[in-house]
Amino acid sequence: MRIALLVLVVLAGCSAPRVVLRNPATGNVAECQADSSLSWDPKKAVEICAQSYEAGGYRRIGSF
């Protein structure tokens, strides 16, 4: 039981963050996601991506 719980905790920590944005003027949808195995700080990489879209008029519609 403890091993299964440990595995679940480790796997949950490995999930990559994701932000979905939409441009209200055009309706276009963009997604920012970083691969946790390729980035030292995937949350920061996603945040930088989202901020660049927001500078172009996009708004966040969800974070997962």
N, C-alpha and C. Protein backbone atom coordinates (compact mmCIF):
# COMPACT_ATOMS: atom_id res chain seq x y z
N MET A 1 0.82 -1.20 0.00
CA MET A 1 0.00 0.00 0.00
C MET A 1 0.87 1.26 0.00
N ARG A 2 1.89 1.29 0.82
CA ARG A 2 2.75 2.47 0.89
C ARG A 2 3.51 2.68 -0.41
N ILE A 3 3.91 1.58 -1.04
CA ILE A 3 4.65 1.70 -2.30
C ILE A 3 3.74 2.28 -3.38
N ALA A 4 2.51 1.84 -3.43
CA ALA A 4 1.57 2.37 -4.42
C ALA A 4 1.32 3.86 -4.20
N LEU A 5 1.20 4.27 -2.96
CA LEU A 5 1.01 5.68 -2.64
C LEU A 5 2.24 6.50 -3.05
N LEU A 6 3.40 5.98 -2.79
CA LEU A 6 4.64 6.65 -3.17
C LEU A 6 4.73 6.81 -4.68
N VAL A 7 4.38 5.78 -5.42
CA VAL A 7 4.39 5.84 -6.88
C VAL A 7 3.42 6.91 -7.38
N LEU A 8 2.25 6.99 -6.81
CA LEU A 8 1.27 8.00 -7.21
C LEU A 8 1.75 9.41 -6.93
N VAL A 9 2.38 9.62 -5.80
CA VAL A 9 2.91 10.94 -5.45
C VAL A 9 4.02 11.34 -6.41
N VAL A 10 4.90 10.43 -6.74
CA VAL A 10 6.00 10.72 -7.65
C VAL A 10 5.47 11.03 -9.04
N LEU A 11 4.53 10.24 -9.52
CA LEU A 11 3.97 10.48 -10.85
C LEU A 11 3.19 11.80 -10.92
N ALA A 12 2.51 12.15 -9.87
CA ALA A 12 1.78 13.41 -9.85
C ALA A 12 2.73 14.59 -9.91
N GLY A 13 3.89 14.47 -9.31
CA GLY A 13 4.89 15.53 -9.34
C GLY A 13 5.55 15.67 -10.70
N CYS A 14 5.43 14.68 -11.55
CA CYS A 14 6.07 14.71 -12.87
C CYS A 14 5.15 15.26 -13.95
N SER A 15 3.93 15.55 -13.63
CA SER A 15 3.01 16.04 -14.65
C SER A 15 3.42 17.44 -15.10
N ALA A 16 3.28 17.66 -16.37
CA ALA A 16 3.68 18.95 -16.95
C ALA A 16 2.55 19.96 -16.80
N PRO A 17 2.87 21.17 -16.38
CA PRO A 17 1.85 22.21 -16.29
C PRO A 17 1.39 22.64 -17.67
N ARG A 18 0.16 23.14 -17.76
CA ARG A 18 -0.39 23.55 -19.05
C ARG A 18 -1.31 24.75 -18.84
N VAL A 19 -1.24 25.72 -19.74
CA VAL A 19 -2.11 26.89 -19.71
C VAL A 19 -2.76 27.01 -21.08
N VAL A 20 -4.07 27.25 -21.09
CA VAL A 20 -4.80 27.44 -22.33
C VAL A 20 -5.24 28.90 -22.39
N LEU A 21 -5.02 29.52 -23.55
CA LEU A 21 -5.36 30.93 -23.73
C LEU A 21 -6.22 31.10 -24.97
N ARG A 22 -7.01 32.17 -24.99
CA ARG A 22 -7.84 32.47 -26.16
C ARG A 22 -7.77 33.95 -26.46
N ASN A 23 -7.70 34.25 -27.75
CA ASN A 23 -7.71 35.64 -28.19
C ASN A 23 -9.17 36.04 -28.38
N PRO A 24 -9.68 37.00 -27.58
CA PRO A 24 -11.09 37.37 -27.67
C PRO A 24 -11.47 38.02 -29.00
N ALA A 25 -10.51 38.63 -29.67
CA ALA A 25 -10.82 39.29 -30.94
C ALA A 25 -10.95 38.30 -32.08
N THR A 26 -10.11 37.27 -32.09
CA THR A 26 -10.09 36.33 -33.21
C THR A 26 -10.71 34.98 -32.87
N GLY A 27 -10.76 34.65 -31.58
CA GLY A 27 -11.26 33.34 -31.17
C GLY A 27 -10.21 32.25 -31.22
N ASN A 28 -9.00 32.59 -31.66
CA ASN A 28 -7.93 31.59 -31.72
C ASN A 28 -7.55 31.13 -30.32
N VAL A 29 -7.25 29.85 -30.21
CA VAL A 29 -6.88 29.25 -28.93
C VAL A 29 -5.42 28.81 -29.02
N ALA A 30 -4.67 29.07 -27.96
CA ALA A 30 -3.26 28.66 -27.87
C ALA A 30 -3.06 27.89 -26.58
N GLU A 31 -2.06 27.02 -26.60
CA GLU A 31 -1.75 26.21 -25.42
C GLU A 31 -0.26 26.29 -25.14
N CYS A 32 0.07 26.52 -23.89
CA CYS A 32 1.46 26.52 -23.45
C CYS A 32 1.66 25.32 -22.53
N GLN A 33 2.63 24.48 -22.88
CA GLN A 33 2.92 23.31 -22.08
C GLN A 33 4.40 23.02 -22.17
N ALA A 34 5.00 22.65 -21.06
CA ALA A 34 6.43 22.32 -21.04
C ALA A 34 6.61 20.86 -20.64
N ASP A 35 7.53 20.22 -21.27
CA ASP A 35 7.86 18.83 -20.94
C ASP A 35 8.76 18.84 -19.71
N SER A 36 8.29 18.22 -18.64
CA SER A 36 9.05 18.25 -17.38
C SER A 36 10.37 17.50 -17.48
N SER A 37 10.50 16.64 -18.47
CA SER A 37 11.77 15.93 -18.61
C SER A 37 12.79 16.74 -19.40
N LEU A 38 12.35 17.81 -20.08
CA LEU A 38 13.25 18.61 -20.90
C LEU A 38 13.56 19.98 -20.30
N SER A 39 12.81 20.38 -19.29
CA SER A 39 12.99 21.71 -18.72
C SER A 39 13.30 21.60 -17.23
N TRP A 40 14.25 22.42 -16.78
CA TRP A 40 14.58 22.42 -15.35
C TRP A 40 13.46 23.02 -14.53
N ASP A 41 12.75 23.96 -15.11
CA ASP A 41 11.65 24.63 -14.40
C ASP A 41 10.45 24.73 -15.35
N PRO A 42 9.69 23.64 -15.51
CA PRO A 42 8.59 23.66 -16.48
C PRO A 42 7.52 24.69 -16.16
N LYS A 43 7.27 24.98 -14.90
CA LYS A 43 6.26 25.99 -14.56
C LYS A 43 6.68 27.36 -15.06
N LYS A 44 7.97 27.67 -14.93
CA LYS A 44 8.45 28.96 -15.40
C LYS A 44 8.41 29.03 -16.92
N ALA A 45 8.74 27.94 -17.59
CA ALA A 45 8.69 27.91 -19.05
C ALA A 45 7.26 28.15 -19.55
N VAL A 46 6.29 27.54 -18.89
CA VAL A 46 4.89 27.74 -19.27
C VAL A 46 4.46 29.17 -18.99
N GLU A 47 4.90 29.73 -17.88
CA GLU A 47 4.55 31.11 -17.53
C GLU A 47 5.11 32.10 -18.55
N ILE A 48 6.34 31.89 -18.99
CA ILE A 48 6.95 32.77 -19.99
C ILE A 48 6.18 32.66 -21.31
N CYS A 49 5.82 31.46 -21.69
CA CYS A 49 5.03 31.25 -22.91
C CYS A 49 3.69 31.96 -22.81
N ALA A 50 2.99 31.79 -21.69
CA ALA A 50 1.68 32.41 -21.50
C ALA A 50 1.78 33.93 -21.52
N GLN A 51 2.81 34.47 -20.90
CA GLN A 51 2.98 35.92 -20.89
C GLN A 51 3.20 36.47 -22.29
N SER A 52 3.89 35.72 -23.13
CA SER A 52 4.11 36.20 -24.50
C SER A 52 2.79 36.23 -25.28
N TYR A 53 1.93 35.25 -25.06
CA TYR A 53 0.61 35.28 -25.70
C TYR A 53 -0.25 36.41 -25.14
N GLU A 54 -0.18 36.62 -23.83
CA GLU A 54 -0.97 37.68 -23.20
C GLU A 54 -0.55 39.05 -23.74
N ALA A 55 0.73 39.22 -24.03
CA ALA A 55 1.20 40.48 -24.62
C ALA A 55 0.58 40.70 -26.00
N GLY A 56 0.18 39.62 -26.65
CA GLY A 56 -0.46 39.71 -27.96
C GLY A 56 -1.98 39.76 -27.90
N GLY A 57 -2.54 39.92 -26.70
CA GLY A 57 -3.98 40.08 -26.57
C GLY A 57 -4.73 38.85 -26.11
N TYR A 58 -4.05 37.74 -25.91
CA TYR A 58 -4.71 36.51 -25.46
C TYR A 58 -5.04 36.61 -23.97
N ARG A 59 -6.07 35.86 -23.56
CA ARG A 59 -6.45 35.78 -22.14
C ARG A 59 -6.49 34.33 -21.71
N ARG A 60 -6.09 34.10 -20.48
CA ARG A 60 -6.10 32.72 -19.95
C ARG A 60 -7.54 32.25 -19.76
N ILE A 61 -7.78 31.02 -20.22
CA ILE A 61 -9.11 30.44 -20.00
C ILE A 61 -9.02 29.18 -19.15
N GLY A 62 -7.81 28.73 -18.86
CA GLY A 62 -7.67 27.57 -18.01
C GLY A 62 -6.22 27.20 -17.75
N SER A 63 -6.00 26.61 -16.59
CA SER A 63 -4.69 26.08 -16.22
C SER A 63 -4.90 24.66 -15.72
N PHE A 64 -4.08 23.76 -16.19
CA PHE A 64 -4.24 22.35 -15.82
C PHE A 64 -2.93 21.79 -15.34
